[in-house]
Amino acid sequence: MQTLKDQLTKVLGKTVTFAEKMYKHTTIKIGGSADILVLADDVDTIIKTMKLAREKNLDVSIIGNGSNLIVSDQGIRGIVIKVYSSEQKPIVDGQKVDVFSGFPLGKLINFTIQEGLGGLEGLVGIPGSFGGALTMNAGTGTTEIGHMINWVKVINKKTLEVETIPKEEMGFSYRKSIIQNGCHVILEAQLQLMRGSSRDLKTIKNEIIKKRNKKQPVQFPNSGSIFKNPPNDSAGRLIEATGLKGYTIGDAQISEQHANFIVNIGQAKASEVVELMNVARKEVNKKFNLVLQPEVKFMGGGLKLEEV
């Protein structure tokens, strides 16, 4: 009789690994082992894995490049599908661009600039995959990726049917989309961009990179912004005002450069990151009577913020 491992390997081939350390797959370099990790580099592998997980009654978790993500020290049970590939080249039709969800956001920005298409350059420096950016409605200042979407193709987790959701039904708002409800997995989406000069767009991109590198702790592993910005304010300013810049628990530290970043200065644990988040929330609440909401997502057991 075939073991589950044999069956999964037979169906999914080399894309499947077992007891995979998740710190290798998160930008903050933290996380215990996933029972099963599937590297999905195309739409077909995502669909095939979702159906197999249903058949074997296994829980499914989806990640992209592992930014904006804190994985538990206890790891993740069931199957983790890592949707990430730079091989699935975007398809351009005029000012419309069809993109696989696992395509790296940074490479997508460079690709569209080369094609003379503007809109995405304001998102430069945001790590992760295109699908991850859509899930979080990633943005900076007045630019959000949701503004540039025509439609999103997904697999419905309940029916395992492929559906196309128009922009108007995606529920895009500040760092939010309906994908966060956990009912769909993004397969691909279409961008609506604007014609522009590749040279000018590249100049804008490079200026933004310089500014970001001065402000953000790019020299340490991190998961991006830890908290959402409250209306008309910034989480970084609020945390800095409490005097917590540089505050450290274990090897997790509130960045000395930008207080809304927690950096891994050695071999930090997820539990230490959560402890720092709790401290920051309590101190900000005490000083400003305001509760910071997390921008990062938790995955795996045992990670929960304390009530403030």
C-alpha atoms as a PDB file:
ATOM      1  CA  MET A   1       0.000   0.000   0.000  1.00  0.00           C
ATOM      2  CA  GLN A   2       1.354   3.411  -0.977  1.00  0.00           C
ATOM      3  CA  THR A   3       2.082   5.854   1.825  1.00  0.00           C
ATOM      4  CA  LEU A   4       0.722   9.398   1.680  1.00  0.00           C
ATOM      5  CA  LYS A   5       4.247  10.583   0.920  1.00  0.00           C
ATOM      6  CA  ASP A   6       4.514   8.197  -2.041  1.00  0.00           C
ATOM      7  CA  GLN A   7       1.095   9.237  -3.374  1.00  0.00           C
ATOM      8  CA  LEU A   8       1.850  12.951  -3.138  1.00  0.00           C
ATOM      9  CA  THR A   9       5.255  12.512  -4.754  1.00  0.00           C
ATOM     10  CA  LYS A  10       3.724  10.473  -7.594  1.00  0.00           C
ATOM     11  CA  VAL A  11       1.088  13.116  -8.366  1.00  0.00           C
ATOM     12  CA  LEU A  12       3.128  16.272  -7.729  1.00  0.00           C
ATOM     13  CA  GLY A  13       6.635  15.069  -8.609  1.00  0.00           C
ATOM     14  CA  LYS A  14       9.651  17.130  -7.600  1.00  0.00           C
ATOM     15  CA  THR A  15       7.506  20.080  -6.517  1.00  0.00           C
ATOM     16  CA  VAL A  16       6.757  18.449  -3.135  1.00  0.00           C
ATOM     17  CA  THR A  17       8.999  18.320  -0.044  1.00  0.00           C
ATOM     18  CA  PHE A  18       8.325  17.077   3.482  1.00  0.00           C
ATOM     19  CA  ALA A  19       9.157  18.540   6.926  1.00  0.00           C
ATOM     20  CA  GLU A  20      10.382  21.684   5.175  1.00  0.00           C
ATOM     21  CA  LYS A  21      11.857  24.418   7.396  1.00  0.00           C
ATOM     22  CA  MET A  22       9.739  27.510   6.783  1.00  0.00           C
ATOM     23  CA  TYR A  23      12.406  30.001   7.806  1.00  0.00           C
ATOM     24  CA  LYS A  24      13.844  29.318   4.336  1.00  0.00           C
ATOM     25  CA  HIS A  25      10.625  30.633   2.806  1.00  0.00           C
ATOM     26  CA  THR A  26       9.935  33.819   4.805  1.00  0.00           C
ATOM     27  CA  THR A  27      11.683  37.160   4.351  1.00  0.00           C
ATOM     28  CA  ILE A  28      12.162  37.520   8.136  1.00  0.00           C
ATOM     29  CA  LYS A  29      13.859  34.069   8.201  1.00  0.00           C
ATOM     30  CA  ILE A  30      11.624  32.681  10.954  1.00  0.00           C
ATOM     31  CA  GLY A  31       9.386  29.601  11.098  1.00  0.00           C
ATOM     32  CA  GLY A  32       9.184  25.943  12.094  1.00  0.00           C
ATOM     33  CA  SER A  33       8.578  23.043   9.701  1.00  0.00           C
ATOM     34  CA  ALA A  34       5.674  22.600   7.300  1.00  0.00           C
ATOM     35  CA  ASP A  35       4.430  19.008   7.110  1.00  0.00           C
ATOM     36  CA  ILE A  36       4.307  19.258   3.308  1.00  0.00           C
ATOM     37  CA  LEU A  37       5.477  22.069   1.025  1.00  0.00           C
ATOM     38  CA  VAL A  38       4.442  22.239  -2.618  1.00  0.00           C
ATOM     39  CA  LEU A  39       6.291  24.632  -4.923  1.00  0.00           C
ATOM     40  CA  ALA A  40       3.601  25.719  -7.370  1.00  0.00           C
ATOM     41  CA  ASP A  41       5.114  27.488 -10.349  1.00  0.00           C
ATOM     42  CA  ASP A  42       2.016  27.434 -12.550  1.00  0.00           C
ATOM     43  CA  VAL A  43      -1.779  27.523 -12.336  1.00  0.00           C
ATOM     44  CA  ASP A  44      -2.141  23.802 -13.063  1.00  0.00           C
ATOM     45  CA  THR A  45      -0.013  22.799 -10.044  1.00  0.00           C
ATOM     46  CA  ILE A  46      -2.088  25.014  -7.726  1.00  0.00           C
ATOM     47  CA  ILE A  47      -5.354  23.448  -8.903  1.00  0.00           C
ATOM     48  CA  LYS A  48      -3.964  19.899  -8.812  1.00  0.00           C
ATOM     49  CA  THR A  49      -2.654  20.388  -5.254  1.00  0.00           C
ATOM     50  CA  MET A  50      -5.922  21.896  -4.005  1.00  0.00           C
ATOM     51  CA  LYS A  51      -7.863  18.905  -5.350  1.00  0.00           C
ATOM     52  CA  LEU A  52      -5.397  16.414  -3.895  1.00  0.00           C
ATOM     53  CA  ALA A  53      -5.562  18.100  -0.481  1.00  0.00           C
ATOM     54  CA  ARG A  54      -9.373  17.824  -0.551  1.00  0.00           C
ATOM     55  CA  GLU A  55      -9.136  14.143  -1.465  1.00  0.00           C
ATOM     56  CA  LYS A  56      -6.663  13.458   1.394  1.00  0.00           C
ATOM     57  CA  ASN A  57      -8.510  15.723   3.871  1.00  0.00           C
ATOM     58  CA  LEU A  58      -5.439  17.908   4.418  1.00  0.00           C
ATOM     59  CA  ASP A  59      -5.467  21.557   5.494  1.00  0.00           C
ATOM     60  CA  VAL A  60      -4.066  23.974   2.915  1.00  0.00           C
ATOM     61  CA  SER A  61      -2.120  27.193   3.534  1.00  0.00           C
ATOM     62  CA  ILE A  62      -0.989  29.525   0.746  1.00  0.00           C
ATOM     63  CA  ILE A  63       2.143  31.666   0.683  1.00  0.00           C
ATOM     64  CA  GLY A  64       3.958  33.692  -1.956  1.00  0.00           C
ATOM     65  CA  ASN A  65       7.468  34.918  -1.294  1.00  0.00           C
ATOM     66  CA  GLY A  66       6.873  34.863   2.472  1.00  0.00           C
ATOM     67  CA  SER A  67       6.881  38.603   3.078  1.00  0.00           C
ATOM     68  CA  ASN A  68       4.253  40.123   5.401  1.00  0.00           C
ATOM     69  CA  LEU A  69       4.209  36.735   7.121  1.00  0.00           C
ATOM     70  CA  ILE A  70       5.165  35.361  10.540  1.00  0.00           C
ATOM     71  CA  VAL A  71       5.232  31.544  10.644  1.00  0.00           C
ATOM     72  CA  SER A  72       4.880  29.845  14.026  1.00  0.00           C
ATOM     73  CA  ASP A  73       7.883  28.190  15.674  1.00  0.00           C
ATOM     74  CA  GLN A  74       5.609  25.113  15.837  1.00  0.00           C
ATOM     75  CA  GLY A  75       5.415  25.042  12.048  1.00  0.00           C
ATOM     76  CA  ILE A  76       2.354  24.431   9.865  1.00  0.00           C
ATOM     77  CA  ARG A  77       0.217  21.318   9.647  1.00  0.00           C
ATOM     78  CA  GLY A  78      -1.095  19.988   6.335  1.00  0.00           C
ATOM     79  CA  ILE A  79       0.022  21.300   2.939  1.00  0.00           C
ATOM     80  CA  VAL A  80       1.646  24.670   2.319  1.00  0.00           C
ATOM     81  CA  ILE A  81       1.445  25.775  -1.311  1.00  0.00           C
ATOM     82  CA  LYS A  82       4.193  28.230  -2.195  1.00  0.00           C
ATOM     83  CA  VAL A  83       3.027  30.080  -5.296  1.00  0.00           C
ATOM     84  CA  TYR A  84       6.170  31.647  -6.710  1.00  0.00           C
ATOM     85  CA  SER A  85       7.903  31.646 -10.085  1.00  0.00           C
ATOM     86  CA  SER A  86       9.724  34.138 -12.262  1.00  0.00           C
ATOM     87  CA  GLU A  87       9.440  31.825 -15.286  1.00  0.00           C
ATOM     88  CA  GLN A  88       5.775  32.550 -16.096  1.00  0.00           C
ATOM     89  CA  LYS A  89       6.320  35.680 -18.178  1.00  0.00           C
ATOM     90  CA  PRO A  90       3.473  38.266 -18.099  1.00  0.00           C
ATOM     91  CA  ILE A  91       1.408  38.621 -21.280  1.00  0.00           C
ATOM     92  CA  VAL A  92       1.036  42.168 -22.636  1.00  0.00           C
ATOM     93  CA  ASP A  93      -1.920  43.300 -24.764  1.00  0.00           C
ATOM     94  CA  GLY A  94      -1.718  47.052 -25.258  1.00  0.00           C
ATOM     95  CA  GLN A  95      -1.974  48.533 -21.761  1.00  0.00           C
ATOM     96  CA  LYS A  96      -3.345  45.317 -20.263  1.00  0.00           C
ATOM     97  CA  VAL A  97      -0.993  42.804 -18.643  1.00  0.00           C
ATOM     98  CA  ASP A  98      -1.984  39.273 -17.544  1.00  0.00           C
ATOM     99  CA  VAL A  99       0.195  38.065 -14.660  1.00  0.00           C
ATOM    100  CA  PHE A 100       0.605  34.708 -12.856  1.00  0.00           C
ATOM    101  CA  SER A 101       0.000  35.163  -9.123  1.00  0.00           C
ATOM    102  CA  GLY A 102       3.416  33.775  -8.215  1.00  0.00           C
ATOM    103  CA  PHE A 103       5.395  36.217 -10.343  1.00  0.00           C
ATOM    104  CA  PRO A 104       7.765  38.334  -8.175  1.00  0.00           C
ATOM    105  CA  LEU A 105       6.455  41.890  -7.734  1.00  0.00           C
ATOM    106  CA  GLY A 106       9.919  43.432  -8.167  1.00  0.00           C
ATOM    107  CA  LYS A 107      10.469  41.632 -11.480  1.00  0.00           C
ATOM    108  CA  LEU A 108       6.971  42.608 -12.607  1.00  0.00           C
ATOM    109  CA  ILE A 109       7.732  46.282 -11.964  1.00  0.00           C
ATOM    110  CA  ASN A 110      10.961  46.040 -13.985  1.00  0.00           C
ATOM    111  CA  PHE A 111       9.140  44.177 -16.765  1.00  0.00           C
ATOM    112  CA  THR A 112       6.362  46.780 -17.080  1.00  0.00           C
ATOM    113  CA  ILE A 113       8.876  49.639 -17.062  1.00  0.00           C
ATOM    114  CA  GLN A 114      10.783  47.977 -19.928  1.00  0.00           C
ATOM    115  CA  GLU A 115       7.478  47.668 -21.795  1.00  0.00           C
ATOM    116  CA  GLY A 116       6.841  51.405 -21.331  1.00  0.00           C
ATOM    117  CA  LEU A 117       3.893  50.809 -19.010  1.00  0.00           C
ATOM    118  CA  GLY A 118       3.490  52.937 -15.885  1.00  0.00           C
ATOM    119  CA  GLY A 119       1.570  52.561 -12.642  1.00  0.00           C
ATOM    120  CA  LEU A 120       3.468  49.954 -10.661  1.00  0.00           C
ATOM    121  CA  GLU A 121       6.719  51.895 -10.164  1.00  0.00           C
ATOM    122  CA  GLY A 122       5.358  53.445  -6.938  1.00  0.00           C
ATOM    123  CA  LEU A 123       5.331  49.965  -5.378  1.00  0.00           C
ATOM    124  CA  VAL A 124       9.043  49.345  -5.893  1.00  0.00           C
ATOM    125  CA  GLY A 125      10.767  47.936  -2.829  1.00  0.00           C
ATOM    126  CA  ILE A 126       7.718  46.043  -1.615  1.00  0.00           C
ATOM    127  CA  PRO A 127       8.870  42.411  -1.369  1.00  0.00           C
ATOM    128  CA  GLY A 128       6.817  39.402  -2.327  1.00  0.00           C
ATOM    129  CA  SER A 129       4.776  37.998  -5.167  1.00  0.00           C
ATOM    130  CA  PHE A 130       2.120  39.608  -7.344  1.00  0.00           C
ATOM    131  CA  GLY A 131      -0.569  37.457  -5.704  1.00  0.00           C
ATOM    132  CA  GLY A 132       0.631  38.402  -2.233  1.00  0.00           C
ATOM    133  CA  ALA A 133       0.492  42.076  -3.188  1.00  0.00           C
ATOM    134  CA  LEU A 134      -3.095  41.629  -4.417  1.00  0.00           C
ATOM    135  CA  THR A 135      -4.135  39.792  -1.252  1.00  0.00           C
ATOM    136  CA  MET A 136      -2.854  42.649   0.932  1.00  0.00           C
ATOM    137  CA  ASN A 137      -3.757  45.366  -1.596  1.00  0.00           C
ATOM    138  CA  ALA A 138      -0.148  46.480  -1.237  1.00  0.00           C
ATOM    139  CA  GLY A 139       0.556  50.150  -1.571  1.00  0.00           C
ATOM    140  CA  THR A 140       2.557  53.200  -0.621  1.00  0.00           C
ATOM    141  CA  GLY A 141       1.088  56.646  -0.069  1.00  0.00           C
ATOM    142  CA  THR A 142      -1.687  57.117  -2.624  1.00  0.00           C
ATOM    143  CA  THR A 143      -0.708  54.121  -4.803  1.00  0.00           C
ATOM    144  CA  GLU A 144      -2.435  50.771  -4.257  1.00  0.00           C
ATOM    145  CA  ILE A 145      -2.229  47.786  -6.566  1.00  0.00           C
ATOM    146  CA  GLY A 146      -6.003  47.304  -6.382  1.00  0.00           C
ATOM    147  CA  HIS A 147      -6.460  50.546  -8.356  1.00  0.00           C
ATOM    148  CA  MET A 148      -4.782  48.925 -11.369  1.00  0.00           C
ATOM    149  CA  ILE A 149      -6.671  45.610 -11.562  1.00  0.00           C
ATOM    150  CA  ASN A 150      -9.305  44.641 -14.167  1.00  0.00           C
ATOM    151  CA  TRP A 151     -10.078  41.135 -12.888  1.00  0.00           C
ATOM    152  CA  VAL A 152      -8.664  38.377 -10.715  1.00  0.00           C
ATOM    153  CA  LYS A 153      -8.878  34.666 -11.572  1.00  0.00           C
ATOM    154  CA  VAL A 154      -9.174  32.459  -8.475  1.00  0.00           C
ATOM    155  CA  ILE A 155      -9.935  28.932  -7.366  1.00  0.00           C
ATOM    156  CA  ASN A 156     -12.871  28.739  -4.973  1.00  0.00           C
ATOM    157  CA  LYS A 157     -11.686  26.711  -1.954  1.00  0.00           C
ATOM    158  CA  LYS A 158     -15.170  25.324  -1.301  1.00  0.00           C
ATOM    159  CA  THR A 159     -16.146  24.218  -4.814  1.00  0.00           C
ATOM    160  CA  LEU A 160     -12.615  23.932  -6.306  1.00  0.00           C
ATOM    161  CA  GLU A 161     -14.014  25.714  -9.367  1.00  0.00           C
ATOM    162  CA  VAL A 162     -12.073  28.432 -11.189  1.00  0.00           C
ATOM    163  CA  GLU A 163     -13.825  31.814 -11.041  1.00  0.00           C
ATOM    164  CA  THR A 164     -13.103  35.295 -12.388  1.00  0.00           C
ATOM    165  CA  ILE A 165     -13.791  38.152  -9.980  1.00  0.00           C
ATOM    166  CA  PRO A 166     -14.116  41.676 -11.444  1.00  0.00           C
ATOM    167  CA  LYS A 167     -12.267  44.519  -9.727  1.00  0.00           C
ATOM    168  CA  GLU A 168     -15.510  45.925  -8.297  1.00  0.00           C
ATOM    169  CA  GLU A 169     -16.128  42.712  -6.338  1.00  0.00           C
ATOM    170  CA  MET A 170     -12.595  42.344  -4.933  1.00  0.00           C
ATOM    171  CA  GLY A 171     -13.336  44.500  -1.883  1.00  0.00           C
ATOM    172  CA  PHE A 172     -10.132  46.491  -2.224  1.00  0.00           C
ATOM    173  CA  SER A 173      -9.511  48.977   0.596  1.00  0.00           C
ATOM    174  CA  TYR A 174      -6.502  49.942   2.732  1.00  0.00           C
ATOM    175  CA  ARG A 175      -4.391  46.736   2.985  1.00  0.00           C
ATOM    176  CA  LYS A 176      -7.479  44.644   2.363  1.00  0.00           C
ATOM    177  CA  SER A 177      -9.188  42.448  -0.241  1.00  0.00           C
ATOM    178  CA  ILE A 178     -11.770  39.658  -0.142  1.00  0.00           C
ATOM    179  CA  ILE A 179      -8.927  37.144  -0.594  1.00  0.00           C
ATOM    180  CA  GLN A 180      -8.160  37.667   3.096  1.00  0.00           C
ATOM    181  CA  ASN A 181     -11.492  35.989   3.923  1.00  0.00           C
ATOM    182  CA  GLY A 182      -9.744  32.712   3.089  1.00  0.00           C
ATOM    183  CA  CYS A 183     -12.305  31.500   0.537  1.00  0.00           C
ATOM    184  CA  HIS A 184     -10.207  31.858  -2.626  1.00  0.00           C
ATOM    185  CA  VAL A 185      -6.690  31.283  -3.937  1.00  0.00           C
ATOM    186  CA  ILE A 186      -5.424  33.708  -6.584  1.00  0.00           C
ATOM    187  CA  LEU A 187      -4.290  32.108  -9.846  1.00  0.00           C
ATOM    188  CA  GLU A 188      -3.693  35.129 -12.054  1.00  0.00           C
ATOM    189  CA  ALA A 189      -4.944  38.659 -12.635  1.00  0.00           C
ATOM    190  CA  GLN A 190      -5.040  41.384 -15.265  1.00  0.00           C
ATOM    191  CA  LEU A 191      -3.483  44.812 -14.757  1.00  0.00           C
ATOM    192  CA  GLN A 192      -4.638  47.979 -16.525  1.00  0.00           C
ATOM    193  CA  LEU A 193      -1.601  50.250 -16.835  1.00  0.00           C
ATOM    194  CA  MET A 194      -0.731  53.534 -18.577  1.00  0.00           C
ATOM    195  CA  ARG A 195       1.670  54.305 -21.402  1.00  0.00           C
ATOM    196  CA  GLY A 196       4.847  56.038 -20.275  1.00  0.00           C
ATOM    197  CA  SER A 197       8.500  56.574 -21.084  1.00  0.00           C
ATOM    198  CA  SER A 198      10.655  53.671 -19.904  1.00  0.00           C
ATOM    199  CA  ARG A 199      13.433  56.130 -19.156  1.00  0.00           C
ATOM    200  CA  ASP A 200      11.226  58.388 -17.004  1.00  0.00           C
ATOM    201  CA  LEU A 201       9.640  55.437 -15.202  1.00  0.00           C
ATOM    202  CA  LYS A 202      13.066  53.984 -14.406  1.00  0.00           C
ATOM    203  CA  THR A 203      14.191  57.351 -12.978  1.00  0.00           C
ATOM    204  CA  ILE A 204      11.111  57.474 -10.724  1.00  0.00           C
ATOM    205  CA  LYS A 205      11.746  53.892  -9.609  1.00  0.00           C
ATOM    206  CA  ASN A 206      15.383  54.580  -8.730  1.00  0.00           C
ATOM    207  CA  GLU A 207      14.472  57.692  -6.721  1.00  0.00           C
ATOM    208  CA  ILE A 208      11.932  55.717  -4.694  1.00  0.00           C
ATOM    209  CA  ILE A 209      14.484  52.949  -4.031  1.00  0.00           C
ATOM    210  CA  LYS A 210      17.003  55.507  -2.700  1.00  0.00           C
ATOM    211  CA  LYS A 211      14.419  56.985  -0.321  1.00  0.00           C
ATOM    212  CA  ARG A 212      13.281  53.564   0.894  1.00  0.00           C
ATOM    213  CA  ASN A 213      16.812  52.332   1.509  1.00  0.00           C
ATOM    214  CA  LYS A 214      17.479  55.367   3.706  1.00  0.00           C
ATOM    215  CA  LYS A 215      14.329  54.851   5.771  1.00  0.00           C
ATOM    216  CA  GLN A 216      13.973  51.075   5.966  1.00  0.00           C
ATOM    217  CA  PRO A 217      16.202  48.384   7.563  1.00  0.00           C
ATOM    218  CA  VAL A 218      17.036  46.524   4.366  1.00  0.00           C
ATOM    219  CA  GLN A 219      20.241  45.126   5.922  1.00  0.00           C
ATOM    220  CA  PHE A 220      18.295  42.801   8.270  1.00  0.00           C
ATOM    221  CA  PRO A 221      15.694  40.101   7.536  1.00  0.00           C
ATOM    222  CA  ASN A 222      12.217  41.533   8.136  1.00  0.00           C
ATOM    223  CA  SER A 223       8.630  41.000   7.073  1.00  0.00           C
ATOM    224  CA  GLY A 224       7.885  44.562   5.974  1.00  0.00           C
ATOM    225  CA  SER A 225       5.574  46.877   7.892  1.00  0.00           C
ATOM    226  CA  ILE A 226       4.351  45.198  11.082  1.00  0.00           C
ATOM    227  CA  PHE A 227       1.291  47.374  11.741  1.00  0.00           C
ATOM    228  CA  LYS A 228      -1.189  49.180   9.522  1.00  0.00           C
ATOM    229  CA  ASN A 229      -1.020  52.962   9.609  1.00  0.00           C
ATOM    230  CA  PRO A 230      -3.942  54.509  11.517  1.00  0.00           C
ATOM    231  CA  PRO A 231      -5.947  57.156   9.588  1.00  0.00           C
ATOM    232  CA  ASN A 232      -3.892  60.338   9.092  1.00  0.00           C
ATOM    233  CA  ASP A 233      -0.935  59.022  11.088  1.00  0.00           C
ATOM    234  CA  SER A 234       1.877  56.485  10.859  1.00  0.00           C
ATOM    235  CA  ALA A 235       2.474  53.428  13.024  1.00  0.00           C
ATOM    236  CA  GLY A 236       6.216  54.076  12.876  1.00  0.00           C
ATOM    237  CA  ARG A 237       5.836  57.580  14.321  1.00  0.00           C
ATOM    238  CA  LEU A 238       3.579  56.357  17.134  1.00  0.00           C
ATOM    239  CA  ILE A 239       5.903  53.503  18.146  1.00  0.00           C
ATOM    240  CA  GLU A 240       8.959  55.762  17.961  1.00  0.00           C
ATOM    241  CA  ALA A 241       7.218  58.284  20.243  1.00  0.00           C
ATOM    242  CA  THR A 242       6.981  55.609  22.960  1.00  0.00           C
ATOM    243  CA  GLY A 243      10.775  55.232  22.939  1.00  0.00           C
ATOM    244  CA  LEU A 244      10.741  51.636  21.686  1.00  0.00           C
ATOM    245  CA  LYS A 245      13.169  52.013  18.775  1.00  0.00           C
ATOM    246  CA  GLY A 246      15.880  49.402  19.294  1.00  0.00           C
ATOM    247  CA  TYR A 247      13.865  47.515  21.937  1.00  0.00           C
ATOM    248  CA  THR A 248      14.879  43.857  21.755  1.00  0.00           C
ATOM    249  CA  ILE A 249      13.479  40.514  22.900  1.00  0.00           C
ATOM    250  CA  GLY A 250      15.796  37.607  22.127  1.00  0.00           C
ATOM    251  CA  ASP A 251      17.000  38.191  18.572  1.00  0.00           C
ATOM    252  CA  ALA A 252      13.899  40.132  17.496  1.00  0.00           C
ATOM    253  CA  GLN A 253      14.254  43.905  17.538  1.00  0.00           C
ATOM    254  CA  ILE A 254      12.080  46.932  16.849  1.00  0.00           C
ATOM    255  CA  SER A 255      14.270  48.488  14.184  1.00  0.00           C
ATOM    256  CA  GLU A 256      16.509  51.382  15.182  1.00  0.00           C
ATOM    257  CA  GLN A 257      15.952  52.746  11.676  1.00  0.00           C
ATOM    258  CA  HIS A 258      12.155  52.484  11.325  1.00  0.00           C
ATOM    259  CA  ALA A 259       9.956  51.651  14.315  1.00  0.00           C
ATOM    260  CA  ASN A 260       7.263  49.912  12.239  1.00  0.00           C
ATOM    261  CA  PHE A 261       9.731  47.181  11.276  1.00  0.00           C
ATOM    262  CA  ILE A 262      10.735  44.237  13.436  1.00  0.00           C
ATOM    263  CA  VAL A 263      14.065  42.807  12.331  1.00  0.00           C
ATOM    264  CA  ASN A 264      15.737  39.456  12.891  1.00  0.00           C
ATOM    265  CA  ILE A 265      19.222  40.281  14.196  1.00  0.00           C
ATOM    266  CA  GLY A 266      20.255  36.643  14.659  1.00  0.00           C
ATOM    267  CA  GLN A 267      18.041  33.610  15.180  1.00  0.00           C
ATOM    268  CA  ALA A 268      14.804  35.245  16.267  1.00  0.00           C
ATOM    269  CA  LYS A 269      11.686  33.227  17.041  1.00  0.00           C
ATOM    270  CA  ALA A 270       8.112  33.944  16.008  1.00  0.00           C
ATOM    271  CA  SER A 271       7.140  34.076  19.689  1.00  0.00           C
ATOM    272  CA  GLU A 272       9.664  36.899  20.219  1.00  0.00           C
ATOM    273  CA  VAL A 273       8.198  38.882  17.320  1.00  0.00           C
ATOM    274  CA  VAL A 274       4.714  38.510  18.805  1.00  0.00           C
ATOM    275  CA  GLU A 275       6.004  39.615  22.229  1.00  0.00           C
ATOM    276  CA  LEU A 276       7.470  42.757  20.639  1.00  0.00           C
ATOM    277  CA  MET A 277       4.187  43.435  18.853  1.00  0.00           C
ATOM    278  CA  ASN A 278       2.334  43.124  22.170  1.00  0.00           C
ATOM    279  CA  VAL A 279       4.730  45.568  23.854  1.00  0.00           C
ATOM    280  CA  ALA A 280       4.368  48.084  21.002  1.00  0.00           C
ATOM    281  CA  ARG A 281       0.561  47.855  21.017  1.00  0.00           C
ATOM    282  CA  LYS A 282       0.366  48.316  24.794  1.00  0.00           C
ATOM    283  CA  GLU A 283       2.738  51.290  24.868  1.00  0.00           C
ATOM    284  CA  VAL A 284       1.051  53.047  21.926  1.00  0.00           C
ATOM    285  CA  ASN A 285      -2.353  52.459  23.487  1.00  0.00           C
ATOM    286  CA  LYS A 286      -1.137  53.816  26.834  1.00  0.00           C
ATOM    287  CA  LYS A 287       0.300  56.977  25.259  1.00  0.00           C
ATOM    288  CA  PHE A 288      -2.198  57.679  22.472  1.00  0.00           C
ATOM    289  CA  ASN A 289      -5.343  55.703  23.429  1.00  0.00           C
ATOM    290  CA  LEU A 290      -5.144  53.947  20.060  1.00  0.00           C
ATOM    291  CA  VAL A 291      -4.880  50.251  19.159  1.00  0.00           C
ATOM    292  CA  LEU A 292      -2.487  49.369  16.338  1.00  0.00           C
ATOM    293  CA  GLN A 293      -3.768  46.689  13.955  1.00  0.00           C
ATOM    294  CA  PRO A 294      -1.340  44.123  12.496  1.00  0.00           C
ATOM    295  CA  GLU A 295      -0.406  44.262   8.834  1.00  0.00           C
ATOM    296  CA  VAL A 296       1.575  41.008   8.997  1.00  0.00           C
ATOM    297  CA  LYS A 297      -0.282  37.712   8.925  1.00  0.00           C
ATOM    298  CA  PHE A 298       0.304  34.797  11.310  1.00  0.00           C
ATOM    299  CA  MET A 299       0.467  31.215  10.057  1.00  0.00           C
ATOM    300  CA  GLY A 300       0.672  28.056  12.163  1.00  0.00           C
ATOM    301  CA  GLY A 301      -0.326  27.430  15.778  1.00  0.00           C
ATOM    302  CA  GLY A 302       0.298  29.387  18.957  1.00  0.00           C
ATOM    303  CA  LEU A 303       0.547  32.917  17.529  1.00  0.00           C
ATOM    304  CA  LYS A 304      -1.952  35.392  18.916  1.00  0.00           C
ATOM    305  CA  LEU A 305      -1.815  39.020  19.954  1.00  0.00           C
ATOM    306  CA  GLU A 306      -2.969  39.972  23.432  1.00  0.00           C
ATOM    307  CA  GLU A 307      -6.072  42.120  23.865  1.00  0.00           C
ATOM    308  CA  VAL A 308      -5.255  45.791  24.456  1.00  0.00           C
END
